């Protein structure tokens, strides 16, 4: 059984003891929840591919002091744009969220935030993201503008395809190309291959997440890879995990790094792969709490790889 939440109006899958529910002023809580600041894992999963991109760029070129700002800017941008994306998602899904037990207490379906208020909040977060984006290289700015297309489409994907996780992956891993371009002034093969590897990783972790809602989704007709894979989920996740690791290995090699840098990067990728194997071995399709724990653990998987790539770009 899931333990009782200490805050009556807290969203069901919020992290117990999070700062929004326990420390933020009550009047701000609905807005911060709308941005998912009570659940930071999504920000991490948006941020980590950005840091992969910085690492790949440093491996292809050389580390610069500017990279410190790119790393920080990606962090600020990830908070703002993840918040904007979640706000947009909740605006488009307000009727669906009200019919799903896990999401019924989200700010819009619960009446804590009006639709007009949510639109103003969306605009404010987009302006913060734009301000950060404008500090980067021109190529990165254009990639940031283009990223709005998959972000806009994603909330509707579960209405017309069984593969909405791919659309999420397209949006969430866009940062690997943006951050790479911020360092190098453009793209080449390495970040594009890494983007595809990140998409495979997203299908892996978000399918685990989607299994929490599989019964409610079936009742209201929402599509997902969790419903599509069903009892064969472990086999499918193994395939996507292998694809992610292979594509990321190719991306590392395509960066041109050699010697100690290559060894460090591949060691980080091995750690990333081992974490995915651990998740597969622990996954129980009948245990929603386990699924949520494993989904959140992907922060650690991504951090292992991000740290290794950045270190490989320094040595």
C-alpha atoms as a PDB file:
ATOM      1  CA  UNK A   1       0.000   0.000   0.000  1.00  0.00           C
ATOM      2  CA  UNK A   2       1.198   3.540  -0.776  1.00  0.00           C
ATOM      3  CA  UNK A   3       1.744   5.493   2.459  1.00  0.00           C
ATOM      4  CA  UNK A   4      -0.654   8.330   3.171  1.00  0.00           C
ATOM      5  CA  UNK A   5       0.521  11.683   1.885  1.00  0.00           C
ATOM      6  CA  UNK A   6       1.105  14.286   4.617  1.00  0.00           C
ATOM      7  CA  UNK A   7      -0.482  17.108   2.591  1.00  0.00           C
ATOM      8  CA  UNK A   8      -4.173  16.525   1.732  1.00  0.00           C
ATOM      9  CA  UNK A   9      -4.058  18.264  -1.661  1.00  0.00           C
ATOM     10  CA  UNK A  10      -0.687  16.805  -2.726  1.00  0.00           C
ATOM     11  CA  UNK A  11      -0.597  14.978  -6.049  1.00  0.00           C
ATOM     12  CA  UNK A  12      -0.535  11.227  -5.574  1.00  0.00           C
ATOM     13  CA  UNK A  13       2.864  10.492  -7.169  1.00  0.00           C
ATOM     14  CA  UNK A  14       4.684  13.465  -5.629  1.00  0.00           C
ATOM     15  CA  UNK A  15       7.830  12.655  -3.668  1.00  0.00           C
ATOM     16  CA  UNK A  16       6.990  12.379   0.026  1.00  0.00           C
ATOM     17  CA  UNK A  17       8.645  15.207   1.956  1.00  0.00           C
ATOM     18  CA  UNK A  18       9.242  17.341  -1.145  1.00  0.00           C
ATOM     19  CA  UNK A  19       9.899  21.033  -0.563  1.00  0.00           C
ATOM     20  CA  UNK A  20       6.800  22.219  -2.460  1.00  0.00           C
ATOM     21  CA  UNK A  21       4.354  20.362  -0.208  1.00  0.00           C
ATOM     22  CA  UNK A  22       6.271  21.012   2.996  1.00  0.00           C
ATOM     23  CA  UNK A  23       8.006  24.386   2.663  1.00  0.00           C
ATOM     24  CA  UNK A  24       6.560  26.471  -0.177  1.00  0.00           C
ATOM     25  CA  UNK A  25       3.961  29.149   0.676  1.00  0.00           C
ATOM     26  CA  UNK A  26       0.472  27.579   0.311  1.00  0.00           C
ATOM     27  CA  UNK A  27      -0.562  30.092  -2.353  1.00  0.00           C
ATOM     28  CA  UNK A  28       2.360  29.090  -4.558  1.00  0.00           C
ATOM     29  CA  UNK A  29       1.947  25.333  -4.245  1.00  0.00           C
ATOM     30  CA  UNK A  30      -0.581  24.812  -7.077  1.00  0.00           C
ATOM     31  CA  UNK A  31       1.645  26.721  -9.504  1.00  0.00           C
ATOM     32  CA  UNK A  32       4.786  24.874  -8.465  1.00  0.00           C
ATOM     33  CA  UNK A  33       2.932  21.576  -8.753  1.00  0.00           C
ATOM     34  CA  UNK A  34       1.770  22.580 -12.219  1.00  0.00           C
ATOM     35  CA  UNK A  35       5.483  22.877 -13.109  1.00  0.00           C
ATOM     36  CA  UNK A  36       6.142  19.497 -11.402  1.00  0.00           C
ATOM     37  CA  UNK A  37       8.627  21.021  -8.979  1.00  0.00           C
ATOM     38  CA  UNK A  38       7.273  18.565  -6.422  1.00  0.00           C
ATOM     39  CA  UNK A  39       8.584  15.800  -8.730  1.00  0.00           C
ATOM     40  CA  UNK A  40      12.074  16.780  -9.930  1.00  0.00           C
ATOM     41  CA  UNK A  41      12.781  13.549 -11.827  1.00  0.00           C
ATOM     42  CA  UNK A  42      11.342  14.958 -15.051  1.00  0.00           C
ATOM     43  CA  UNK A  43      13.689  17.936 -14.864  1.00  0.00           C
ATOM     44  CA  UNK A  44      16.612  15.569 -14.443  1.00  0.00           C
ATOM     45  CA  UNK A  45      15.533  13.466 -17.414  1.00  0.00           C
ATOM     46  CA  UNK A  46      15.312  16.606 -19.562  1.00  0.00           C
ATOM     47  CA  UNK A  47      18.612  17.980 -18.277  1.00  0.00           C
ATOM     48  CA  UNK A  48      20.822  14.894 -18.497  1.00  0.00           C
ATOM     49  CA  UNK A  49      20.842  14.607 -22.322  1.00  0.00           C
ATOM     50  CA  UNK A  50      21.913  18.273 -22.377  1.00  0.00           C
ATOM     51  CA  UNK A  51      24.909  17.373 -20.241  1.00  0.00           C
ATOM     52  CA  UNK A  52      25.592  14.407 -22.525  1.00  0.00           C
ATOM     53  CA  UNK A  53      25.742  16.922 -25.376  1.00  0.00           C
ATOM     54  CA  UNK A  54      28.226  19.115 -23.504  1.00  0.00           C
ATOM     55  CA  UNK A  55      30.406  16.078 -22.812  1.00  0.00           C
ATOM     56  CA  UNK A  56      30.299  14.884 -26.414  1.00  0.00           C
ATOM     57  CA  UNK A  57      31.196  18.370 -27.637  1.00  0.00           C
ATOM     58  CA  UNK A  58      34.162  18.597 -25.274  1.00  0.00           C
ATOM     59  CA  UNK A  59      35.297  15.157 -26.431  1.00  0.00           C
ATOM     60  CA  UNK A  60      35.074  16.268 -30.064  1.00  0.00           C
ATOM     61  CA  UNK A  61      36.813  19.592 -29.458  1.00  0.00           C
ATOM     62  CA  UNK A  62      38.210  20.740 -26.129  1.00  0.00           C
ATOM     63  CA  UNK A  63      36.844  21.889 -22.795  1.00  0.00           C
ATOM     64  CA  UNK A  64      36.326  25.646 -22.431  1.00  0.00           C
ATOM     65  CA  UNK A  65      35.288  27.956 -19.610  1.00  0.00           C
ATOM     66  CA  UNK A  66      32.131  28.662 -21.641  1.00  0.00           C
ATOM     67  CA  UNK A  67      31.074  25.075 -20.993  1.00  0.00           C
ATOM     68  CA  UNK A  68      30.454  25.953 -17.334  1.00  0.00           C
ATOM     69  CA  UNK A  69      27.820  28.467 -18.431  1.00  0.00           C
ATOM     70  CA  UNK A  70      26.330  25.990 -20.917  1.00  0.00           C
ATOM     71  CA  UNK A  71      26.017  23.423 -18.116  1.00  0.00           C
ATOM     72  CA  UNK A  72      24.379  25.988 -15.799  1.00  0.00           C
ATOM     73  CA  UNK A  73      22.166  27.401 -18.562  1.00  0.00           C
ATOM     74  CA  UNK A  74      20.965  23.896 -19.364  1.00  0.00           C
ATOM     75  CA  UNK A  75      20.005  23.475 -15.706  1.00  0.00           C
ATOM     76  CA  UNK A  76      18.013  26.713 -15.596  1.00  0.00           C
ATOM     77  CA  UNK A  77      16.485  26.006 -18.988  1.00  0.00           C
ATOM     78  CA  UNK A  78      15.522  22.466 -18.011  1.00  0.00           C
ATOM     79  CA  UNK A  79      13.615  23.719 -14.960  1.00  0.00           C
ATOM     80  CA  UNK A  80      11.793  26.388 -16.978  1.00  0.00           C
ATOM     81  CA  UNK A  81      11.059  24.286 -20.053  1.00  0.00           C
ATOM     82  CA  UNK A  82      10.107  21.168 -18.156  1.00  0.00           C
ATOM     83  CA  UNK A  83       7.710  23.337 -16.174  1.00  0.00           C
ATOM     84  CA  UNK A  84       6.338  24.850 -19.381  1.00  0.00           C
ATOM     85  CA  UNK A  85       6.001  21.427 -20.980  1.00  0.00           C
ATOM     86  CA  UNK A  86       4.165  20.018 -17.968  1.00  0.00           C
ATOM     87  CA  UNK A  87       1.888  23.063 -17.846  1.00  0.00           C
ATOM     88  CA  UNK A  88       1.052  22.609 -21.530  1.00  0.00           C
ATOM     89  CA  UNK A  89       0.536  18.885 -20.968  1.00  0.00           C
ATOM     90  CA  UNK A  90      -1.884  19.563 -18.096  1.00  0.00           C
ATOM     91  CA  UNK A  91      -3.782  22.135 -20.146  1.00  0.00           C
ATOM     92  CA  UNK A  92      -4.324  19.670 -22.997  1.00  0.00           C
ATOM     93  CA  UNK A  93      -4.952  16.693 -20.683  1.00  0.00           C
ATOM     94  CA  UNK A  94      -7.170  18.391 -18.112  1.00  0.00           C
ATOM     95  CA  UNK A  95     -10.160  16.140 -18.855  1.00  0.00           C
ATOM     96  CA  UNK A  96      -8.094  12.949 -19.039  1.00  0.00           C
ATOM     97  CA  UNK A  97      -6.238  13.761 -15.804  1.00  0.00           C
ATOM     98  CA  UNK A  98      -9.504  14.148 -13.961  1.00  0.00           C
ATOM     99  CA  UNK A  99     -10.461  10.578 -14.899  1.00  0.00           C
ATOM    100  CA  UNK A 100      -7.183   8.963 -13.763  1.00  0.00           C
ATOM    101  CA  UNK A 101      -6.655   8.273 -10.063  1.00  0.00           C
ATOM    102  CA  UNK A 102      -2.929   9.134 -10.083  1.00  0.00           C
ATOM    103  CA  UNK A 103      -3.477  12.536 -11.721  1.00  0.00           C
ATOM    104  CA  UNK A 104      -6.899  13.610 -10.445  1.00  0.00           C
ATOM    105  CA  UNK A 105      -5.368  15.989  -7.872  1.00  0.00           C
ATOM    106  CA  UNK A 106      -3.275  17.879 -10.404  1.00  0.00           C
ATOM    107  CA  UNK A 107      -3.901  21.644 -10.126  1.00  0.00           C
ATOM    108  CA  UNK A 108      -6.169  22.097 -13.163  1.00  0.00           C
ATOM    109  CA  UNK A 109      -8.560  19.110 -12.834  1.00  0.00           C
ATOM    110  CA  UNK A 110      -8.765  19.673  -9.066  1.00  0.00           C
ATOM    111  CA  UNK A 111      -9.725  23.324  -9.603  1.00  0.00           C
ATOM    112  CA  UNK A 112      -6.696  24.807  -7.832  1.00  0.00           C
ATOM    113  CA  UNK A 113      -5.605  26.612 -11.032  1.00  0.00           C
ATOM    114  CA  UNK A 114      -7.904  27.984 -13.743  1.00  0.00           C
ATOM    115  CA  UNK A 115      -7.268  27.422 -17.428  1.00  0.00           C
ATOM    116  CA  UNK A 116      -6.528  31.131 -17.933  1.00  0.00           C
ATOM    117  CA  UNK A 117      -4.105  31.110 -15.027  1.00  0.00           C
ATOM    118  CA  UNK A 118      -2.340  28.077 -16.448  1.00  0.00           C
ATOM    119  CA  UNK A 119      -1.904  29.825 -19.804  1.00  0.00           C
ATOM    120  CA  UNK A 120      -0.308  32.854 -18.125  1.00  0.00           C
ATOM    121  CA  UNK A 121       1.972  30.541 -16.126  1.00  0.00           C
ATOM    122  CA  UNK A 122       2.942  28.767 -19.342  1.00  0.00           C
ATOM    123  CA  UNK A 123       3.884  32.077 -20.973  1.00  0.00           C
ATOM    124  CA  UNK A 124       5.988  33.149 -17.979  1.00  0.00           C
ATOM    125  CA  UNK A 125       8.022  29.941 -18.045  1.00  0.00           C
ATOM    126  CA  UNK A 126       8.532  30.148 -21.808  1.00  0.00           C
ATOM    127  CA  UNK A 127       9.910  33.677 -21.404  1.00  0.00           C
ATOM    128  CA  UNK A 128      12.425  32.457 -18.818  1.00  0.00           C
ATOM    129  CA  UNK A 129      13.482  29.670 -21.165  1.00  0.00           C
ATOM    130  CA  UNK A 130      13.835  32.146 -24.023  1.00  0.00           C
ATOM    131  CA  UNK A 131      15.972  34.496 -21.938  1.00  0.00           C
ATOM    132  CA  UNK A 132      18.389  31.659 -21.155  1.00  0.00           C
ATOM    133  CA  UNK A 133      18.389  30.407 -24.742  1.00  0.00           C
ATOM    134  CA  UNK A 134      19.352  33.820 -26.108  1.00  0.00           C
ATOM    135  CA  UNK A 135      22.658  33.661 -24.206  1.00  0.00           C
ATOM    136  CA  UNK A 136      23.809  30.691 -26.334  1.00  0.00           C
ATOM    137  CA  UNK A 137      25.213  30.309 -29.841  1.00  0.00           C
ATOM    138  CA  UNK A 138      22.956  31.056 -32.811  1.00  0.00           C
ATOM    139  CA  UNK A 139      22.702  27.402 -33.870  1.00  0.00           C
ATOM    140  CA  UNK A 140      21.605  26.471 -30.351  1.00  0.00           C
ATOM    141  CA  UNK A 141      18.977  29.225 -30.407  1.00  0.00           C
ATOM    142  CA  UNK A 142      17.441  27.880 -33.601  1.00  0.00           C
ATOM    143  CA  UNK A 143      17.466  24.344 -32.220  1.00  0.00           C
ATOM    144  CA  UNK A 144      15.731  25.649 -29.101  1.00  0.00           C
ATOM    145  CA  UNK A 145      13.016  27.260 -31.205  1.00  0.00           C
ATOM    146  CA  UNK A 146      12.561  24.047 -33.213  1.00  0.00           C
ATOM    147  CA  UNK A 147      12.225  22.052 -29.983  1.00  0.00           C
ATOM    148  CA  UNK A 148       8.842  23.685 -29.402  1.00  0.00           C
ATOM    149  CA  UNK A 149       7.367  21.565 -32.203  1.00  0.00           C
ATOM    150  CA  UNK A 150       7.783  18.133 -30.533  1.00  0.00           C
ATOM    151  CA  UNK A 151       6.918  19.669 -27.151  1.00  0.00           C
ATOM    152  CA  UNK A 152       3.635  20.953 -28.606  1.00  0.00           C
ATOM    153  CA  UNK A 153       2.769  17.658 -30.292  1.00  0.00           C
ATOM    154  CA  UNK A 154       3.657  15.259 -27.467  1.00  0.00           C
ATOM    155  CA  UNK A 155       0.529  15.657 -25.269  1.00  0.00           C
ATOM    156  CA  UNK A 156      -1.670  14.652 -28.214  1.00  0.00           C
ATOM    157  CA  UNK A 157       0.417  11.609 -29.215  1.00  0.00           C
ATOM    158  CA  UNK A 158      -1.332   9.206 -26.867  1.00  0.00           C
ATOM    159  CA  UNK A 159      -4.560   9.962 -28.692  1.00  0.00           C
ATOM    160  CA  UNK A 160      -3.364   8.835 -32.137  1.00  0.00           C
ATOM    161  CA  UNK A 161      -0.480   6.368 -31.638  1.00  0.00           C
ATOM    162  CA  UNK A 162       0.515   3.455 -29.440  1.00  0.00           C
ATOM    163  CA  UNK A 163       4.015   4.973 -29.309  1.00  0.00           C
ATOM    164  CA  UNK A 164       3.656   8.299 -27.439  1.00  0.00           C
ATOM    165  CA  UNK A 165       6.887   7.467 -25.601  1.00  0.00           C
ATOM    166  CA  UNK A 166       8.790   8.020 -28.855  1.00  0.00           C
ATOM    167  CA  UNK A 167       7.342  11.522 -29.119  1.00  0.00           C
ATOM    168  CA  UNK A 168       8.369  12.147 -25.508  1.00  0.00           C
ATOM    169  CA  UNK A 169      11.848  10.896 -26.337  1.00  0.00           C
ATOM    170  CA  UNK A 170      12.123  13.221 -29.326  1.00  0.00           C
ATOM    171  CA  UNK A 171      11.341  16.188 -27.075  1.00  0.00           C
ATOM    172  CA  UNK A 172      13.220  15.160 -23.927  1.00  0.00           C
ATOM    173  CA  UNK A 173      16.481  14.306 -25.678  1.00  0.00           C
ATOM    174  CA  UNK A 174      16.564  17.339 -27.965  1.00  0.00           C
ATOM    175  CA  UNK A 175      18.948  18.971 -25.519  1.00  0.00           C
ATOM    176  CA  UNK A 176      21.827  16.684 -26.505  1.00  0.00           C
ATOM    177  CA  UNK A 177      21.881  18.445 -29.885  1.00  0.00           C
ATOM    178  CA  UNK A 178      21.180  21.903 -28.478  1.00  0.00           C
ATOM    179  CA  UNK A 179      23.977  21.761 -25.891  1.00  0.00           C
ATOM    180  CA  UNK A 180      26.411  20.290 -28.416  1.00  0.00           C
ATOM    181  CA  UNK A 181      25.637  23.133 -30.835  1.00  0.00           C
ATOM    182  CA  UNK A 182      26.050  25.675 -28.020  1.00  0.00           C
ATOM    183  CA  UNK A 183      29.655  24.530 -27.642  1.00  0.00           C
ATOM    184  CA  UNK A 184      30.621  23.837 -31.272  1.00  0.00           C
ATOM    185  CA  UNK A 185      28.370  26.226 -33.207  1.00  0.00           C
ATOM    186  CA  UNK A 186      26.650  23.447 -35.134  1.00  0.00           C
ATOM    187  CA  UNK A 187      25.879  19.749 -35.342  1.00  0.00           C
ATOM    188  CA  UNK A 188      27.616  16.683 -36.665  1.00  0.00           C
ATOM    189  CA  UNK A 189      26.947  12.949 -36.460  1.00  0.00           C
ATOM    190  CA  UNK A 190      27.744  12.312 -32.783  1.00  0.00           C
ATOM    191  CA  UNK A 191      24.920  14.323 -31.141  1.00  0.00           C
ATOM    192  CA  UNK A 192      22.361  13.140 -33.704  1.00  0.00           C
ATOM    193  CA  UNK A 193      23.181   9.493 -32.999  1.00  0.00           C
ATOM    194  CA  UNK A 194      23.116  10.219 -29.250  1.00  0.00           C
ATOM    195  CA  UNK A 195      19.672  11.798 -29.719  1.00  0.00           C
ATOM    196  CA  UNK A 196      18.365   8.541 -31.180  1.00  0.00           C
ATOM    197  CA  UNK A 197      20.016   6.630 -28.338  1.00  0.00           C
ATOM    198  CA  UNK A 198      18.274   8.918 -25.856  1.00  0.00           C
ATOM    199  CA  UNK A 199      14.932   8.300 -27.545  1.00  0.00           C
ATOM    200  CA  UNK A 200      15.400   4.543 -27.042  1.00  0.00           C
ATOM    201  CA  UNK A 201      16.276   5.199 -23.375  1.00  0.00           C
ATOM    202  CA  UNK A 202      13.113   7.294 -22.959  1.00  0.00           C
ATOM    203  CA  UNK A 203      10.942   4.504 -24.358  1.00  0.00           C
ATOM    204  CA  UNK A 204      12.631   2.237 -21.800  1.00  0.00           C
ATOM    205  CA  UNK A 205      11.991   4.366 -18.715  1.00  0.00           C
ATOM    206  CA  UNK A 206       8.653   5.886 -19.696  1.00  0.00           C
ATOM    207  CA  UNK A 207       7.158   2.483 -20.494  1.00  0.00           C
ATOM    208  CA  UNK A 208       7.970   1.522 -16.906  1.00  0.00           C
ATOM    209  CA  UNK A 209       6.275   4.728 -15.751  1.00  0.00           C
ATOM    210  CA  UNK A 210       3.223   4.165 -17.974  1.00  0.00           C
ATOM    211  CA  UNK A 211       2.547   0.769 -16.398  1.00  0.00           C
ATOM    212  CA  UNK A 212       1.252   2.626 -13.330  1.00  0.00           C
ATOM    213  CA  UNK A 213      -1.723   3.888 -15.367  1.00  0.00           C
ATOM    214  CA  UNK A 214      -2.318   0.885 -17.595  1.00  0.00           C
ATOM    215  CA  UNK A 215      -5.760   0.039 -16.197  1.00  0.00           C
ATOM    216  CA  UNK A 216      -7.054   3.623 -16.193  1.00  0.00           C
ATOM    217  CA  UNK A 217      -5.600   4.197 -19.676  1.00  0.00           C
ATOM    218  CA  UNK A 218      -7.437   1.149 -20.996  1.00  0.00           C
ATOM    219  CA  UNK A 219     -10.733   2.403 -19.556  1.00  0.00           C
ATOM    220  CA  UNK A 220     -10.478   5.868 -21.108  1.00  0.00           C
ATOM    221  CA  UNK A 221      -8.815   4.783 -24.354  1.00  0.00           C
ATOM    222  CA  UNK A 222      -5.377   6.369 -23.876  1.00  0.00           C
ATOM    223  CA  UNK A 223      -2.603   4.601 -25.802  1.00  0.00           C
ATOM    224  CA  UNK A 224       0.894   3.798 -24.514  1.00  0.00           C
ATOM    225  CA  UNK A 225       3.754   1.393 -25.057  1.00  0.00           C
ATOM    226  CA  UNK A 226       2.895  -0.142 -21.671  1.00  0.00           C
ATOM    227  CA  UNK A 227      -0.482  -1.213 -23.045  1.00  0.00           C
ATOM    228  CA  UNK A 228       1.030  -2.196 -26.382  1.00  0.00           C
ATOM    229  CA  UNK A 229       3.803  -4.365 -24.887  1.00  0.00           C
ATOM    230  CA  UNK A 230       1.685  -5.849 -22.095  1.00  0.00           C
ATOM    231  CA  UNK A 231       3.092  -9.101 -20.753  1.00  0.00           C
ATOM    232  CA  UNK A 232       6.021  -8.862 -23.203  1.00  0.00           C
ATOM    233  CA  UNK A 233       7.259  -5.614 -21.637  1.00  0.00           C
ATOM    234  CA  UNK A 234      10.501  -7.110 -20.299  1.00  0.00           C
ATOM    235  CA  UNK A 235      11.468  -8.359 -23.765  1.00  0.00           C
ATOM    236  CA  UNK A 236      10.671  -5.030 -25.412  1.00  0.00           C
ATOM    237  CA  UNK A 237      12.538  -3.065 -22.761  1.00  0.00           C
ATOM    238  CA  UNK A 238      15.578  -5.265 -23.226  1.00  0.00           C
ATOM    239  CA  UNK A 239      15.505  -4.483 -26.960  1.00  0.00           C
ATOM    240  CA  UNK A 240      15.207  -0.727 -26.401  1.00  0.00           C
ATOM    241  CA  UNK A 241      17.888  -0.790 -23.704  1.00  0.00           C
ATOM    242  CA  UNK A 242      20.298  -2.578 -26.052  1.00  0.00           C
ATOM    243  CA  UNK A 243      19.497  -0.071 -28.817  1.00  0.00           C
ATOM    244  CA  UNK A 244      20.167   2.840 -26.468  1.00  0.00           C
ATOM    245  CA  UNK A 245      23.545   1.467 -25.386  1.00  0.00           C
ATOM    246  CA  UNK A 246      24.658   0.611 -28.937  1.00  0.00           C
ATOM    247  CA  UNK A 247      23.665   4.012 -30.323  1.00  0.00           C
ATOM    248  CA  UNK A 248      25.374   5.851 -27.476  1.00  0.00           C
ATOM    249  CA  UNK A 249      28.519   3.775 -28.035  1.00  0.00           C
ATOM    250  CA  UNK A 250      28.478   4.758 -31.709  1.00  0.00           C
ATOM    251  CA  UNK A 251      27.980   8.409 -30.717  1.00  0.00           C
ATOM    252  CA  UNK A 252      31.006   8.281 -28.413  1.00  0.00           C
ATOM    253  CA  UNK A 253      33.122   6.790 -31.187  1.00  0.00           C
ATOM    254  CA  UNK A 254      31.791   9.338 -33.701  1.00  0.00           C
ATOM    255  CA  UNK A 255      32.972  12.168 -31.446  1.00  0.00           C
ATOM    256  CA  UNK A 256      36.552  11.282 -32.347  1.00  0.00           C
ATOM    257  CA  UNK A 257      37.720  10.917 -28.744  1.00  0.00           C
ATOM    258  CA  UNK A 258      40.563   8.494 -28.149  1.00  0.00           C
ATOM    259  CA  UNK A 259      42.922   7.211 -25.490  1.00  0.00           C
ATOM    260  CA  UNK A 260      41.965   7.787 -21.865  1.00  0.00           C
ATOM    261  CA  UNK A 261      38.910   9.824 -22.871  1.00  0.00           C
ATOM    262  CA  UNK A 262      37.466   6.926 -24.847  1.00  0.00           C
ATOM    263  CA  UNK A 263      38.090   4.515 -21.963  1.00  0.00           C
ATOM    264  CA  UNK A 264      36.384   6.834 -19.455  1.00  0.00           C
ATOM    265  CA  UNK A 265      33.394   7.424 -21.740  1.00  0.00           C
ATOM    266  CA  UNK A 266      32.931   3.713 -22.411  1.00  0.00           C
ATOM    267  CA  UNK A 267      33.259   2.912 -18.696  1.00  0.00           C
ATOM    268  CA  UNK A 268      30.456   5.401 -18.020  1.00  0.00           C
ATOM    269  CA  UNK A 269      28.357   3.797 -20.740  1.00  0.00           C
ATOM    270  CA  UNK A 270      28.992   0.389 -19.145  1.00  0.00           C
ATOM    271  CA  UNK A 271      27.692   1.779 -15.861  1.00  0.00           C
ATOM    272  CA  UNK A 272      24.644   3.165 -17.657  1.00  0.00           C
ATOM    273  CA  UNK A 273      24.012  -0.246 -19.265  1.00  0.00           C
ATOM    274  CA  UNK A 274      24.418  -2.050 -15.943  1.00  0.00           C
ATOM    275  CA  UNK A 275      21.825   0.247 -14.388  1.00  0.00           C
ATOM    276  CA  UNK A 276      19.309  -0.601 -17.122  1.00  0.00           C
ATOM    277  CA  UNK A 277      19.930  -4.318 -16.527  1.00  0.00           C
ATOM    278  CA  UNK A 278      19.343  -3.782 -12.805  1.00  0.00           C
ATOM    279  CA  UNK A 279      16.043  -2.057 -13.572  1.00  0.00           C
ATOM    280  CA  UNK A 280      14.899  -4.914 -15.786  1.00  0.00           C
ATOM    281  CA  UNK A 281      15.729  -7.482 -13.124  1.00  0.00           C
ATOM    282  CA  UNK A 282      13.813  -5.500 -10.500  1.00  0.00           C
ATOM    283  CA  UNK A 283      10.760  -4.641 -12.609  1.00  0.00           C
ATOM    284  CA  UNK A 284       7.472  -6.120 -11.416  1.00  0.00           C
ATOM    285  CA  UNK A 285       4.555  -5.344 -13.728  1.00  0.00           C
ATOM    286  CA  UNK A 286       2.117  -5.766 -10.853  1.00  0.00           C
ATOM    287  CA  UNK A 287       3.828  -3.377  -8.417  1.00  0.00           C
ATOM    288  CA  UNK A 288       3.142   0.317  -9.107  1.00  0.00           C
ATOM    289  CA  UNK A 289       5.395   1.496  -6.271  1.00  0.00           C
ATOM    290  CA  UNK A 290       8.292  -0.511  -7.705  1.00  0.00           C
ATOM    291  CA  UNK A 291       7.629   0.927 -11.151  1.00  0.00           C
ATOM    292  CA  UNK A 292       7.735   4.493  -9.835  1.00  0.00           C
ATOM    293  CA  UNK A 293      10.952   3.800  -7.927  1.00  0.00           C
ATOM    294  CA  UNK A 294      12.633   2.320 -11.011  1.00  0.00           C
ATOM    295  CA  UNK A 295      11.473   5.183 -13.208  1.00  0.00           C
ATOM    296  CA  UNK A 296      12.970   7.717 -10.806  1.00  0.00           C
ATOM    297  CA  UNK A 297      16.221   5.752 -10.651  1.00  0.00           C
ATOM    298  CA  UNK A 298      16.952   6.715 -14.262  1.00  0.00           C
ATOM    299  CA  UNK A 299      18.348   9.977 -12.916  1.00  0.00           C
ATOM    300  CA  UNK A 300      21.262   7.933 -11.592  1.00  0.00           C
ATOM    301  CA  UNK A 301      21.662   6.030 -14.873  1.00  0.00           C
ATOM    302  CA  UNK A 302      21.828   9.268 -16.838  1.00  0.00           C
ATOM    303  CA  UNK A 303      24.143  10.940 -14.329  1.00  0.00           C
ATOM    304  CA  UNK A 304      26.655   8.090 -14.561  1.00  0.00           C
ATOM    305  CA  UNK A 305      26.931   8.636 -18.304  1.00  0.00           C
ATOM    306  CA  UNK A 306      26.890  12.448 -18.113  1.00  0.00           C
ATOM    307  CA  UNK A 307      29.706  12.518 -15.554  1.00  0.00           C
ATOM    308  CA  UNK A 308      31.798  10.112 -17.625  1.00  0.00           C
ATOM    309  CA  UNK A 309      31.339  12.047 -20.875  1.00  0.00           C
ATOM    310  CA  UNK A 310      32.230  15.378 -19.287  1.00  0.00           C
ATOM    311  CA  UNK A 311      35.271  13.857 -17.570  1.00  0.00           C
ATOM    312  CA  UNK A 312      36.322  12.263 -20.866  1.00  0.00           C
ATOM    313  CA  UNK A 313      36.145  15.709 -22.476  1.00  0.00           C
ATOM    314  CA  UNK A 314      38.492  17.179 -19.848  1.00  0.00           C
ATOM    315  CA  UNK A 315      41.290  14.602 -19.705  1.00  0.00           C
END
